[in-house]
Amino acid sequence: MRASHLRNTLLAVFSLFLFSCAAKRAPERITVIAPETFTGKIKITACEPQAPPDNIVIDLSGNGKTSVCSASPDLKLLVIRGEQSIEVPAKVAKTGDDFVVSITGEVR
């Protein structure tokens, strides 16, 4: 009886592990529209009510605004420069209560 109880417990734990891995969300992406020749650091000010959540237009200095106030830790920036697009990892700065303050990335 004990062996079957142990087997059932291990099966349940293994099933929970597989379910939690399958439930992980795909990386979140924000599209950034950059000048065609842009290279350098991108700095997006977050939680701006009038700004769009996606398709953020940045200036020649790499500055832009978004209405996004929360983001996953594996956020990516899809940077579009003319006909070219490149995906770069984003660094998210948050307040103590988990609101996003800024999102940065770099295009080389």
PDB file of N, CA and C in Angstrom:
ATOM      1  N   MET A   1       0.813  -1.194   0.000  1.00  0.00           N
ATOM      2  CA  MET A   1       0.000   0.000   0.000  1.00  0.00           C
ATOM      3  C   MET A   1       0.865   1.271   0.000  1.00  0.00           C
ATOM      4  N   ARG A   2       1.936   1.242   0.728  1.00  0.00           N
ATOM      5  CA  ARG A   2       2.787   2.423   0.797  1.00  0.00           C
ATOM      6  C   ARG A   2       3.448   2.738  -0.548  1.00  0.00           C
ATOM      7  N   ALA A   3       3.859   1.725  -1.265  1.00  0.00           N
ATOM      8  CA  ALA A   3       4.519   1.936  -2.556  1.00  0.00           C
ATOM      9  C   ALA A   3       3.579   2.602  -3.554  1.00  0.00           C
ATOM     10  N   SER A   4       2.319   2.209  -3.571  1.00  0.00           N
ATOM     11  CA  SER A   4       1.378   2.828  -4.497  1.00  0.00           C
ATOM     12  C   SER A   4       1.057   4.268  -4.075  1.00  0.00           C
ATOM     13  N   HIS A   5       1.035   4.521  -2.777  1.00  0.00           N
ATOM     14  CA  HIS A   5       0.789   5.884  -2.286  1.00  0.00           C
ATOM     15  C   HIS A   5       1.951   6.804  -2.683  1.00  0.00           C
ATOM     16  N   LEU A   6       3.171   6.299  -2.519  1.00  0.00           N
ATOM     17  CA  LEU A   6       4.346   7.065  -2.904  1.00  0.00           C
ATOM     18  C   LEU A   6       4.351   7.316  -4.409  1.00  0.00           C
ATOM     19  N   ARG A   7       4.035   6.269  -5.188  1.00  0.00           N
ATOM     20  CA  ARG A   7       3.982   6.415  -6.642  1.00  0.00           C
ATOM     21  C   ARG A   7       2.948   7.457  -7.052  1.00  0.00           C
ATOM     22  N   ASN A   8       1.766   7.437  -6.443  1.00  0.00           N
ATOM     23  CA  ASN A   8       0.717   8.413  -6.767  1.00  0.00           C
ATOM     24  C   ASN A   8       1.130   9.827  -6.387  1.00  0.00           C
ATOM     25  N   THR A   9       1.808   9.964  -5.265  1.00  0.00           N
ATOM     26  CA  THR A   9       2.286  11.286  -4.838  1.00  0.00           C
ATOM     27  C   THR A   9       3.328  11.813  -5.819  1.00  0.00           C
ATOM     28  N   LEU A  10       4.278  10.960  -6.200  1.00  0.00           N
ATOM     29  CA  LEU A  10       5.299  11.382  -7.165  1.00  0.00           C
ATOM     30  C   LEU A  10       4.681  11.735  -8.515  1.00  0.00           C
ATOM     31  N   LEU A  11       3.701  10.973  -8.936  1.00  0.00           N
ATOM     32  CA  LEU A  11       3.012  11.252 -10.191  1.00  0.00           C
ATOM     33  C   LEU A  11       2.301  12.611 -10.133  1.00  0.00           C
ATOM     34  N   ALA A  12       1.675  12.895  -9.005  1.00  0.00           N
ATOM     35  CA  ALA A  12       0.983  14.180  -8.844  1.00  0.00           C
ATOM     36  C   ALA A  12       1.976  15.339  -8.865  1.00  0.00           C
ATOM     37  N   VAL A  13       3.100  15.202  -8.170  1.00  0.00           N
ATOM     38  CA  VAL A  13       4.118  16.259  -8.150  1.00  0.00           C
ATOM     39  C   VAL A  13       4.691  16.463  -9.556  1.00  0.00           C
ATOM     40  N   PHE A  14       4.992  15.381 -10.249  1.00  0.00           N
ATOM     41  CA  PHE A  14       5.519  15.466 -11.606  1.00  0.00           C
ATOM     42  C   PHE A  14       4.512  16.149 -12.535  1.00  0.00           C
ATOM     43  N   SER A  15       3.237  15.817 -12.410  1.00  0.00           N
ATOM     44  CA  SER A  15       2.191  16.441 -13.234  1.00  0.00           C
ATOM     45  C   SER A  15       2.094  17.932 -12.966  1.00  0.00           C
ATOM     46  N   LEU A  16       2.171  18.322 -11.699  1.00  0.00           N
ATOM     47  CA  LEU A  16       2.143  19.754 -11.359  1.00  0.00           C
ATOM     48  C   LEU A  16       3.343  20.470 -11.967  1.00  0.00           C
ATOM     49  N   PHE A  17       4.517  19.844 -11.901  1.00  0.00           N
ATOM     50  CA  PHE A  17       5.716  20.434 -12.481  1.00  0.00           C
ATOM     51  C   PHE A  17       5.544  20.656 -13.977  1.00  0.00           C
ATOM     52  N   LEU A  18       5.055  19.654 -14.686  1.00  0.00           N
ATOM     53  CA  LEU A  18       4.847  19.788 -16.133  1.00  0.00           C
ATOM     54  C   LEU A  18       3.815  20.855 -16.448  1.00  0.00           C
ATOM     55  N   PHE A  19       2.744  20.913 -15.664  1.00  0.00           N
ATOM     56  CA  PHE A  19       1.706  21.918 -15.889  1.00  0.00           C
ATOM     57  C   PHE A  19       2.251  23.317 -15.680  1.00  0.00           C
ATOM     58  N   SER A  20       3.062  23.523 -14.651  1.00  0.00           N
ATOM     59  CA  SER A  20       3.595  24.861 -14.389  1.00  0.00           C
ATOM     60  C   SER A  20       4.545  25.297 -15.495  1.00  0.00           C
ATOM     61  N   CYS A  21       5.306  24.364 -16.061  1.00  0.00           N
ATOM     62  CA  CYS A  21       6.201  24.715 -17.173  1.00  0.00           C
ATOM     63  C   CYS A  21       5.403  25.074 -18.421  1.00  0.00           C
ATOM     64  N   ALA A  22       4.340  24.356 -18.678  1.00  0.00           N
ATOM     65  CA  ALA A  22       3.519  24.618 -19.858  1.00  0.00           C
ATOM     66  C   ALA A  22       2.738  25.909 -19.712  1.00  0.00           C
ATOM     67  N   ALA A  23       2.480  26.340 -18.492  1.00  0.00           N
ATOM     68  CA  ALA A  23       1.671  27.530 -18.259  1.00  0.00           C
ATOM     69  C   ALA A  23       2.476  28.825 -18.371  1.00  0.00           C
ATOM     70  N   LYS A  24       3.795  28.736 -18.508  1.00  0.00           N
ATOM     71  CA  LYS A  24       4.614  29.934 -18.599  1.00  0.00           C
ATOM     72  C   LYS A  24       4.272  30.725 -19.849  1.00  0.00           C
ATOM     73  N   ARG A  25       4.082  32.013 -19.669  1.00  0.00           N
ATOM     74  CA  ARG A  25       3.740  32.872 -20.803  1.00  0.00           C
ATOM     75  C   ARG A  25       4.938  33.084 -21.719  1.00  0.00           C
ATOM     76  N   ALA A  26       4.640  33.306 -22.976  1.00  0.00           N
ATOM     77  CA  ALA A  26       5.687  33.635 -23.940  1.00  0.00           C
ATOM     78  C   ALA A  26       6.252  35.008 -23.597  1.00  0.00           C
ATOM     79  N   PRO A  27       7.482  35.299 -24.021  1.00  0.00           N
ATOM     80  CA  PRO A  27       8.047  36.623 -23.737  1.00  0.00           C
ATOM     81  C   PRO A  27       7.161  37.731 -24.280  1.00  0.00           C
ATOM     82  N   GLU A  28       6.995  38.743 -23.495  1.00  0.00           N
ATOM     83  CA  GLU A  28       6.201  39.898 -23.897  1.00  0.00           C
ATOM     84  C   GLU A  28       7.054  40.762 -24.827  1.00  0.00           C
ATOM     85  N   ARG A  29       6.416  41.360 -25.831  1.00  0.00           N
ATOM     86  CA  ARG A  29       7.131  42.229 -26.778  1.00  0.00           C
ATOM     87  C   ARG A  29       6.442  43.572 -26.894  1.00  0.00           C
ATOM     88  N   ILE A  30       7.254  44.609 -27.009  1.00  0.00           N
ATOM     89  CA  ILE A  30       6.758  45.946 -27.315  1.00  0.00           C
ATOM     90  C   ILE A  30       7.462  46.385 -28.592  1.00  0.00           C
ATOM     91  N   THR A  31       6.699  46.877 -29.540  1.00  0.00           N
ATOM     92  CA  THR A  31       7.265  47.344 -30.803  1.00  0.00           C
ATOM     93  C   THR A  31       7.690  48.800 -30.660  1.00  0.00           C
ATOM     94  N   VAL A  32       8.903  49.071 -31.095  1.00  0.00           N
ATOM     95  CA  VAL A  32       9.483  50.415 -31.045  1.00  0.00           C
ATOM     96  C   VAL A  32       9.822  50.827 -32.474  1.00  0.00           C
ATOM     97  N   ILE A  33       9.326  51.996 -32.890  1.00  0.00           N
ATOM     98  CA  ILE A  33       9.614  52.535 -34.220  1.00  0.00           C
ATOM     99  C   ILE A  33      10.753  53.543 -34.067  1.00  0.00           C
ATOM    100  N   ALA A  34      11.893  53.229 -34.676  1.00  0.00           N
ATOM    101  CA  ALA A  34      13.084  54.067 -34.546  1.00  0.00           C
ATOM    102  C   ALA A  34      13.427  54.713 -35.875  1.00  0.00           C
ATOM    103  N   PRO A  35      14.164  55.844 -35.841  1.00  0.00           N
ATOM    104  CA  PRO A  35      14.669  56.415 -37.089  1.00  0.00           C
ATOM    105  C   PRO A  35      15.519  55.365 -37.819  1.00  0.00           C
ATOM    106  N   GLU A  36      15.541  55.421 -39.132  1.00  0.00           N
ATOM    107  CA  GLU A  36      16.167  54.391 -39.956  1.00  0.00           C
ATOM    108  C   GLU A  36      17.639  54.146 -39.630  1.00  0.00           C
ATOM    109  N   THR A  37      18.353  55.178 -39.246  1.00  0.00           N
ATOM    110  CA  THR A  37      19.788  55.035 -38.967  1.00  0.00           C
ATOM    111  C   THR A  37      20.087  54.984 -37.470  1.00  0.00           C
ATOM    112  N   PHE A  38      19.091  54.774 -36.640  1.00  0.00           N
ATOM    113  CA  PHE A  38      19.279  54.821 -35.191  1.00  0.00           C
ATOM    114  C   PHE A  38      20.140  53.669 -34.680  1.00  0.00           C
ATOM    115  N   THR A  39      21.107  54.012 -33.840  1.00  0.00           N
ATOM    116  CA  THR A  39      21.844  53.052 -33.019  1.00  0.00           C
ATOM    117  C   THR A  39      22.049  53.704 -31.665  1.00  0.00           C
ATOM    118  N   GLY A  40      22.102  52.909 -30.638  1.00  0.00           N
ATOM    119  CA  GLY A  40      22.325  53.449 -29.303  1.00  0.00           C
ATOM    120  C   GLY A  40      21.304  52.966 -28.305  1.00  0.00           C
ATOM    121  N   LYS A  41      21.240  53.679 -27.183  1.00  0.00           N
ATOM    122  CA  LYS A  41      20.384  53.299 -26.078  1.00  0.00           C
ATOM    123  C   LYS A  41      18.961  53.824 -26.270  1.00  0.00           C
ATOM    124  N   ILE A  42      18.005  52.962 -25.999  1.00  0.00           N
ATOM    125  CA  ILE A  42      16.581  53.332 -26.033  1.00  0.00           C
ATOM    126  C   ILE A  42      16.135  53.529 -24.591  1.00  0.00           C
ATOM    127  N   LYS A  43      15.452  54.637 -24.317  1.00  0.00           N
ATOM    128  CA  LYS A  43      14.894  54.871 -22.987  1.00  0.00           C
ATOM    129  C   LYS A  43      13.433  55.264 -23.150  1.00  0.00           C
ATOM    130  N   ILE A  44      12.561  54.374 -22.690  1.00  0.00           N
ATOM    131  CA  ILE A  44      11.123  54.608 -22.796  1.00  0.00           C
ATOM    132  C   ILE A  44      10.569  54.899 -21.406  1.00  0.00           C
ATOM    133  N   THR A  45       9.954  56.054 -21.265  1.00  0.00           N
ATOM    134  CA  THR A  45       9.286  56.406 -20.014  1.00  0.00           C
ATOM    135  C   THR A  45       7.948  55.688 -19.989  1.00  0.00           C
ATOM    136  N   ALA A  46       7.690  54.955 -18.922  1.00  0.00           N
ATOM    137  CA  ALA A  46       6.486  54.136 -18.838  1.00  0.00           C
ATOM    138  C   ALA A  46       5.379  54.833 -18.051  1.00  0.00           C
ATOM    139  N   CYS A  47       4.191  54.271 -18.175  1.00  0.00           N
ATOM    140  CA  CYS A  47       3.010  54.681 -17.406  1.00  0.00           C
ATOM    141  C   CYS A  47       2.569  56.118 -17.728  1.00  0.00           C
ATOM    142  N   GLU A  48       2.762  56.527 -18.971  1.00  0.00           N
ATOM    143  CA  GLU A  48       2.310  57.842 -19.430  1.00  0.00           C
ATOM    144  C   GLU A  48       0.902  57.671 -20.013  1.00  0.00           C
ATOM    145  N   PRO A  49      -0.131  58.226 -19.385  1.00  0.00           N
ATOM    146  CA  PRO A  49      -1.516  57.965 -19.792  1.00  0.00           C
ATOM    147  C   PRO A  49      -1.838  58.282 -21.259  1.00  0.00           C
ATOM    148  N   GLN A  50      -1.275  59.340 -21.830  1.00  0.00           N
ATOM    149  CA  GLN A  50      -1.597  59.736 -23.209  1.00  0.00           C
ATOM    150  C   GLN A  50      -0.789  58.970 -24.254  1.00  0.00           C
ATOM    151  N   ALA A  51       0.209  58.223 -23.838  1.00  0.00           N
ATOM    152  CA  ALA A  51       1.090  57.523 -24.777  1.00  0.00           C
ATOM    153  C   ALA A  51       0.488  56.182 -25.198  1.00  0.00           C
ATOM    154  N   PRO A  52       0.877  55.690 -26.368  1.00  0.00           N
ATOM    155  CA  PRO A  52       0.381  54.378 -26.812  1.00  0.00           C
ATOM    156  C   PRO A  52       1.067  53.251 -26.025  1.00  0.00           C
ATOM    157  N   PRO A  53       0.411  52.091 -25.894  1.00  0.00           N
ATOM    158  CA  PRO A  53       1.047  50.967 -25.219  1.00  0.00           C
ATOM    159  C   PRO A  53       2.067  50.243 -26.109  1.00  0.00           C
ATOM    160  N   ASP A  54       1.892  50.332 -27.405  1.00  0.00           N
ATOM    161  CA  ASP A  54       2.733  49.622 -28.355  1.00  0.00           C
ATOM    162  C   ASP A  54       2.990  50.537 -29.546  1.00  0.00           C
ATOM    163  N   ASN A  55       3.884  50.121 -30.455  1.00  0.00           N
ATOM    164  CA  ASN A  55       4.270  50.953 -31.597  1.00  0.00           C
ATOM    165  C   ASN A  55       4.742  52.331 -31.121  1.00  0.00           C
ATOM    166  N   ILE A  56       5.705  52.297 -30.235  1.00  0.00           N
ATOM    167  CA  ILE A  56       6.241  53.504 -29.609  1.00  0.00           C
ATOM    168  C   ILE A  56       7.267  54.138 -30.548  1.00  0.00           C
ATOM    169  N   VAL A  57       7.061  55.376 -30.882  1.00  0.00           N
ATOM    170  CA  VAL A  57       7.982  56.105 -31.752  1.00  0.00           C
ATOM    171  C   VAL A  57       9.025  56.778 -30.864  1.00  0.00           C
ATOM    172  N   ILE A  58      10.313  56.500 -31.155  1.00  0.00           N
ATOM    173  CA  ILE A  58      11.381  57.145 -30.405  1.00  0.00           C
ATOM    174  C   ILE A  58      12.040  58.210 -31.276  1.00  0.00           C
ATOM    175  N   ASP A  59      12.653  59.191 -30.617  1.00  0.00           N
ATOM    176  CA  ASP A  59      13.335  60.258 -31.352  1.00  0.00           C
ATOM    177  C   ASP A  59      14.785  59.861 -31.635  1.00  0.00           C
ATOM    178  N   LEU A  60      15.553  60.770 -32.229  1.00  0.00           N
ATOM    179  CA  LEU A  60      16.945  60.488 -32.579  1.00  0.00           C
ATOM    180  C   LEU A  60      17.815  60.194 -31.364  1.00  0.00           C
ATOM    181  N   SER A  61      17.385  60.662 -30.173  1.00  0.00           N
ATOM    182  CA  SER A  61      18.129  60.393 -28.941  1.00  0.00           C
ATOM    183  C   SER A  61      17.729  59.066 -28.298  1.00  0.00           C
ATOM    184  N   GLY A  62      16.709  58.405 -28.841  1.00  0.00           N
ATOM    185  CA  GLY A  62      16.264  57.121 -28.303  1.00  0.00           C
ATOM    186  C   GLY A  62      15.186  57.215 -27.251  1.00  0.00           C
ATOM    187  N   ASN A  63      14.610  58.415 -27.081  1.00  0.00           N
ATOM    188  CA  ASN A  63      13.581  58.615 -26.054  1.00  0.00           C
ATOM    189  C   ASN A  63      12.184  58.405 -26.609  1.00  0.00           C
ATOM    190  N   GLY A  64      11.344  57.787 -25.792  1.00  0.00           N
ATOM    191  CA  GLY A  64       9.957  57.562 -26.160  1.00  0.00           C
ATOM    192  C   GLY A  64       9.104  57.392 -24.913  1.00  0.00           C
ATOM    193  N   LYS A  65       7.786  57.231 -25.109  1.00  0.00           N
ATOM    194  CA  LYS A  65       6.847  57.095 -23.996  1.00  0.00           C
ATOM    195  C   LYS A  65       5.849  55.981 -24.302  1.00  0.00           C
ATOM    196  N   THR A  66       5.409  55.301 -23.235  1.00  0.00           N
ATOM    197  CA  THR A  66       4.386  54.280 -23.359  1.00  0.00           C
ATOM    198  C   THR A  66       3.423  54.361 -22.186  1.00  0.00           C
ATOM    199  N   SER A  67       2.215  53.868 -22.391  1.00  0.00           N
ATOM    200  CA  SER A  67       1.233  53.835 -21.305  1.00  0.00           C
ATOM    201  C   SER A  67       1.353  52.549 -20.481  1.00  0.00           C
ATOM    202  N   VAL A  68       2.240  51.642 -20.879  1.00  0.00           N
ATOM    203  CA  VAL A  68       2.432  50.385 -20.166  1.00  0.00           C
ATOM    204  C   VAL A  68       2.933  50.664 -18.748  1.00  0.00           C
ATOM    205  N   CYS A  69       2.268  50.039 -17.759  1.00  0.00           N
ATOM    206  CA  CYS A  69       2.663  50.210 -16.360  1.00  0.00           C
ATOM    207  C   CYS A  69       3.136  48.914 -15.718  1.00  0.00           C
ATOM    208  N   SER A  70       3.032  47.804 -16.428  1.00  0.00           N
ATOM    209  CA  SER A  70       3.543  46.531 -15.923  1.00  0.00           C
ATOM    210  C   SER A  70       4.114  45.744 -17.094  1.00  0.00           C
ATOM    211  N   ALA A  71       5.094  44.905 -16.802  1.00  0.00           N
ATOM    212  CA  ALA A  71       5.734  44.126 -17.859  1.00  0.00           C
ATOM    213  C   ALA A  71       6.341  42.866 -17.266  1.00  0.00           C
ATOM    214  N   SER A  72       6.443  41.849 -18.088  1.00  0.00           N
ATOM    215  CA  SER A  72       7.053  40.600 -17.627  1.00  0.00           C
ATOM    216  C   SER A  72       8.567  40.779 -17.544  1.00  0.00           C
ATOM    217  N   PRO A  73       9.226  39.973 -16.732  1.00  0.00           N
ATOM    218  CA  PRO A  73      10.679  40.093 -16.614  1.00  0.00           C
ATOM    219  C   PRO A  73      11.430  39.749 -17.899  1.00  0.00           C
ATOM    220  N   ASP A  74      10.788  38.993 -18.797  1.00  0.00           N
ATOM    221  CA  ASP A  74      11.462  38.633 -20.038  1.00  0.00           C
ATOM    222  C   ASP A  74      10.976  39.465 -21.227  1.00  0.00           C
ATOM    223  N   LEU A  75      10.690  40.722 -20.960  1.00  0.00           N
ATOM    224  CA  LEU A  75      10.230  41.653 -21.985  1.00  0.00           C
ATOM    225  C   LEU A  75      11.286  41.841 -23.065  1.00  0.00           C
ATOM    226  N   LYS A  76      10.847  41.894 -24.314  1.00  0.00           N
ATOM    227  CA  LYS A  76      11.718  42.160 -25.466  1.00  0.00           C
ATOM    228  C   LYS A  76      11.201  43.389 -26.196  1.00  0.00           C
ATOM    229  N   LEU A  77      12.112  44.114 -26.813  1.00  0.00           N
ATOM    230  CA  LEU A  77      11.752  45.249 -27.665  1.00  0.00           C
ATOM    231  C   LEU A  77      11.957  44.822 -29.107  1.00  0.00           C
ATOM    232  N   LEU A  78      10.923  44.941 -29.916  1.00  0.00           N
ATOM    233  CA  LEU A  78      11.029  44.701 -31.347  1.00  0.00           C
ATOM    234  C   LEU A  78      11.233  46.067 -31.984  1.00  0.00           C
ATOM    235  N   VAL A  79      12.464  46.353 -32.370  1.00  0.00           N
ATOM    236  CA  VAL A  79      12.832  47.670 -32.896  1.00  0.00           C
ATOM    237  C   VAL A  79      12.756  47.620 -34.417  1.00  0.00           C
ATOM    238  N   ILE A  80      11.958  48.524 -34.979  1.00  0.00           N
ATOM    239  CA  ILE A  80      11.803  48.609 -36.430  1.00  0.00           C
ATOM    240  C   ILE A  80      12.498  49.877 -36.904  1.00  0.00           C
ATOM    241  N   ARG A  81      13.479  49.685 -37.823  1.00  0.00           N
ATOM    242  CA  ARG A  81      14.228  50.801 -38.422  1.00  0.00           C
ATOM    243  C   ARG A  81      14.085  50.686 -39.928  1.00  0.00           C
ATOM    244  N   GLY A  82      13.191  51.458 -40.506  1.00  0.00           N
ATOM    245  CA  GLY A  82      12.950  51.371 -41.944  1.00  0.00           C
ATOM    246  C   GLY A  82      12.399  50.002 -42.294  1.00  0.00           C
ATOM    247  N   GLU A  83      13.104  49.268 -43.156  1.00  0.00           N
ATOM    248  CA  GLU A  83      12.690  47.924 -43.571  1.00  0.00           C
ATOM    249  C   GLU A  83      13.219  46.834 -42.636  1.00  0.00           C
ATOM    250  N   GLN A  84      14.106  47.207 -41.721  1.00  0.00           N
ATOM    251  CA  GLN A  84      14.766  46.235 -40.849  1.00  0.00           C
ATOM    252  C   GLN A  84      14.084  46.178 -39.484  1.00  0.00           C
ATOM    253  N   SER A  85      13.989  44.970 -38.921  1.00  0.00           N
ATOM    254  CA  SER A  85      13.510  44.835 -37.549  1.00  0.00           C
ATOM    255  C   SER A  85      14.478  43.952 -36.782  1.00  0.00           C
ATOM    256  N   ILE A  86      14.660  44.277 -35.511  1.00  0.00           N
ATOM    257  CA  ILE A  86      15.587  43.545 -34.658  1.00  0.00           C
ATOM    258  C   ILE A  86      14.955  43.438 -33.270  1.00  0.00           C
ATOM    259  N   GLU A  87      15.133  42.294 -32.636  1.00  0.00           N
ATOM    260  CA  GLU A  87      14.605  42.110 -31.295  1.00  0.00           C
ATOM    261  C   GLU A  87      15.752  42.227 -30.304  1.00  0.00           C
ATOM    262  N   VAL A  88      15.565  43.067 -29.289  1.00  0.00           N
ATOM    263  CA  VAL A  88      16.596  43.269 -28.268  1.00  0.00           C
ATOM    264  C   VAL A  88      15.986  43.048 -26.887  1.00  0.00           C
ATOM    265  N   PRO A  89      16.788  42.551 -25.945  1.00  0.00           N
ATOM    266  CA  PRO A  89      16.275  42.392 -24.589  1.00  0.00           C
ATOM    267  C   PRO A  89      16.044  43.758 -23.946  1.00  0.00           C
ATOM    268  N   ALA A  90      15.064  43.815 -23.087  1.00  0.00           N
ATOM    269  CA  ALA A  90      14.747  45.061 -22.408  1.00  0.00           C
ATOM    270  C   ALA A  90      15.083  44.936 -20.929  1.00  0.00           C
ATOM    271  N   LYS A  91      15.484  46.048 -20.349  1.00  0.00           N
ATOM    272  CA  LYS A  91      15.663  46.130 -18.898  1.00  0.00           C
ATOM    273  C   LYS A  91      14.519  46.982 -18.375  1.00  0.00           C
ATOM    274  N   VAL A  92      13.838  46.467 -17.370  1.00  0.00           N
ATOM    275  CA  VAL A  92      12.670  47.141 -16.832  1.00  0.00           C
ATOM    276  C   VAL A  92      12.986  47.661 -15.436  1.00  0.00           C
ATOM    277  N   ALA A  93      12.812  48.969 -15.227  1.00  0.00           N
ATOM    278  CA  ALA A  93      12.979  49.568 -13.900  1.00  0.00           C
ATOM    279  C   ALA A  93      11.597  49.720 -13.275  1.00  0.00           C
ATOM    280  N   LYS A  94      11.448  49.206 -12.052  1.00  0.00           N
ATOM    281  CA  LYS A  94      10.145  49.217 -11.383  1.00  0.00           C
ATOM    282  C   LYS A  94      10.219  49.908 -10.036  1.00  0.00           C
ATOM    283  N   THR A  95       9.065  50.374  -9.577  1.00  0.00           N
ATOM    284  CA  THR A  95       8.951  50.915  -8.229  1.00  0.00           C
ATOM    285  C   THR A  95       8.822  49.749  -7.259  1.00  0.00           C
ATOM    286  N   GLY A  96       8.819  50.032  -5.982  1.00  0.00           N
ATOM    287  CA  GLY A  96       8.671  48.996  -4.970  1.00  0.00           C
ATOM    288  C   GLY A  96       7.352  48.255  -5.049  1.00  0.00           C
ATOM    289  N   ASP A  97       6.316  48.923  -5.553  1.00  0.00           N
ATOM    290  CA  ASP A  97       5.017  48.255  -5.679  1.00  0.00           C
ATOM    291  C   ASP A  97       4.791  47.705  -7.084  1.00  0.00           C
ATOM    292  N   ASP A  98       5.877  47.457  -7.816  1.00  0.00           N
ATOM    293  CA  ASP A  98       5.885  46.734  -9.090  1.00  0.00           C
ATOM    294  C   ASP A  98       5.328  47.499 -10.289  1.00  0.00           C
ATOM    295  N   PHE A  99       5.280  48.825 -10.223  1.00  0.00           N
ATOM    296  CA  PHE A  99       4.900  49.618 -11.397  1.00  0.00           C
ATOM    297  C   PHE A  99       6.148  49.911 -12.215  1.00  0.00           C
ATOM    298  N   VAL A 100       6.037  49.793 -13.520  1.00  0.00           N
ATOM    299  CA  VAL A 100       7.157  50.052 -14.407  1.00  0.00           C
ATOM    300  C   VAL A 100       7.385  51.565 -14.512  1.00  0.00           C
ATOM    301  N   VAL A 101       8.632  51.968 -14.320  1.00  0.00           N
ATOM    302  CA  VAL A 101       9.010  53.384 -14.410  1.00  0.00           C
ATOM    303  C   VAL A 101       9.634  53.661 -15.774  1.00  0.00           C
ATOM    304  N   SER A 102      10.526  52.764 -16.192  1.00  0.00           N
ATOM    305  CA  SER A 102      11.160  52.943 -17.501  1.00  0.00           C
ATOM    306  C   SER A 102      11.550  51.583 -18.080  1.00  0.00           C
ATOM    307  N   ILE A 103      11.707  51.592 -19.391  1.00  0.00           N
ATOM    308  CA  ILE A 103      12.132  50.416 -20.128  1.00  0.00           C
ATOM    309  C   ILE A 103      13.306  50.846 -21.000  1.00  0.00           C
ATOM    310  N   THR A 104      14.416  50.122 -20.910  1.00  0.00           N
ATOM    311  CA  THR A 104      15.579  50.485 -21.705  1.00  0.00           C
ATOM    312  C   THR A 104      16.062  49.281 -22.514  1.00  0.00           C
ATOM    313  N   GLY A 105      16.782  49.582 -23.557  1.00  0.00           N
ATOM    314  CA  GLY A 105      17.396  48.570 -24.405  1.00  0.00           C
ATOM    315  C   GLY A 105      18.454  49.226 -25.245  1.00  0.00           C
ATOM    316  N   GLU A 106      19.212  48.436 -25.991  1.00  0.00           N
ATOM    317  CA  GLU A 106      20.263  49.012 -26.817  1.00  0.00           C
ATOM    318  C   GLU A 106      20.282  48.355 -28.190  1.00  0.00           C
ATOM    319  N   VAL A 107      20.426  49.224 -29.211  1.00  0.00           N
ATOM    320  CA  VAL A 107      20.520  48.782 -30.594  1.00  0.00           C
ATOM    321  C   VAL A 107      21.914  49.110 -31.090  1.00  0.00           C
ATOM    322  N   ARG A 108      22.568  48.115 -31.668  1.00  0.00           N
ATOM    323  CA  ARG A 108      23.939  48.327 -32.172  1.00  0.00           C
ATOM    324  C   ARG A 108      23.971  48.246 -33.662  1.00  0.00           C
TER     325      ARG A 108
END
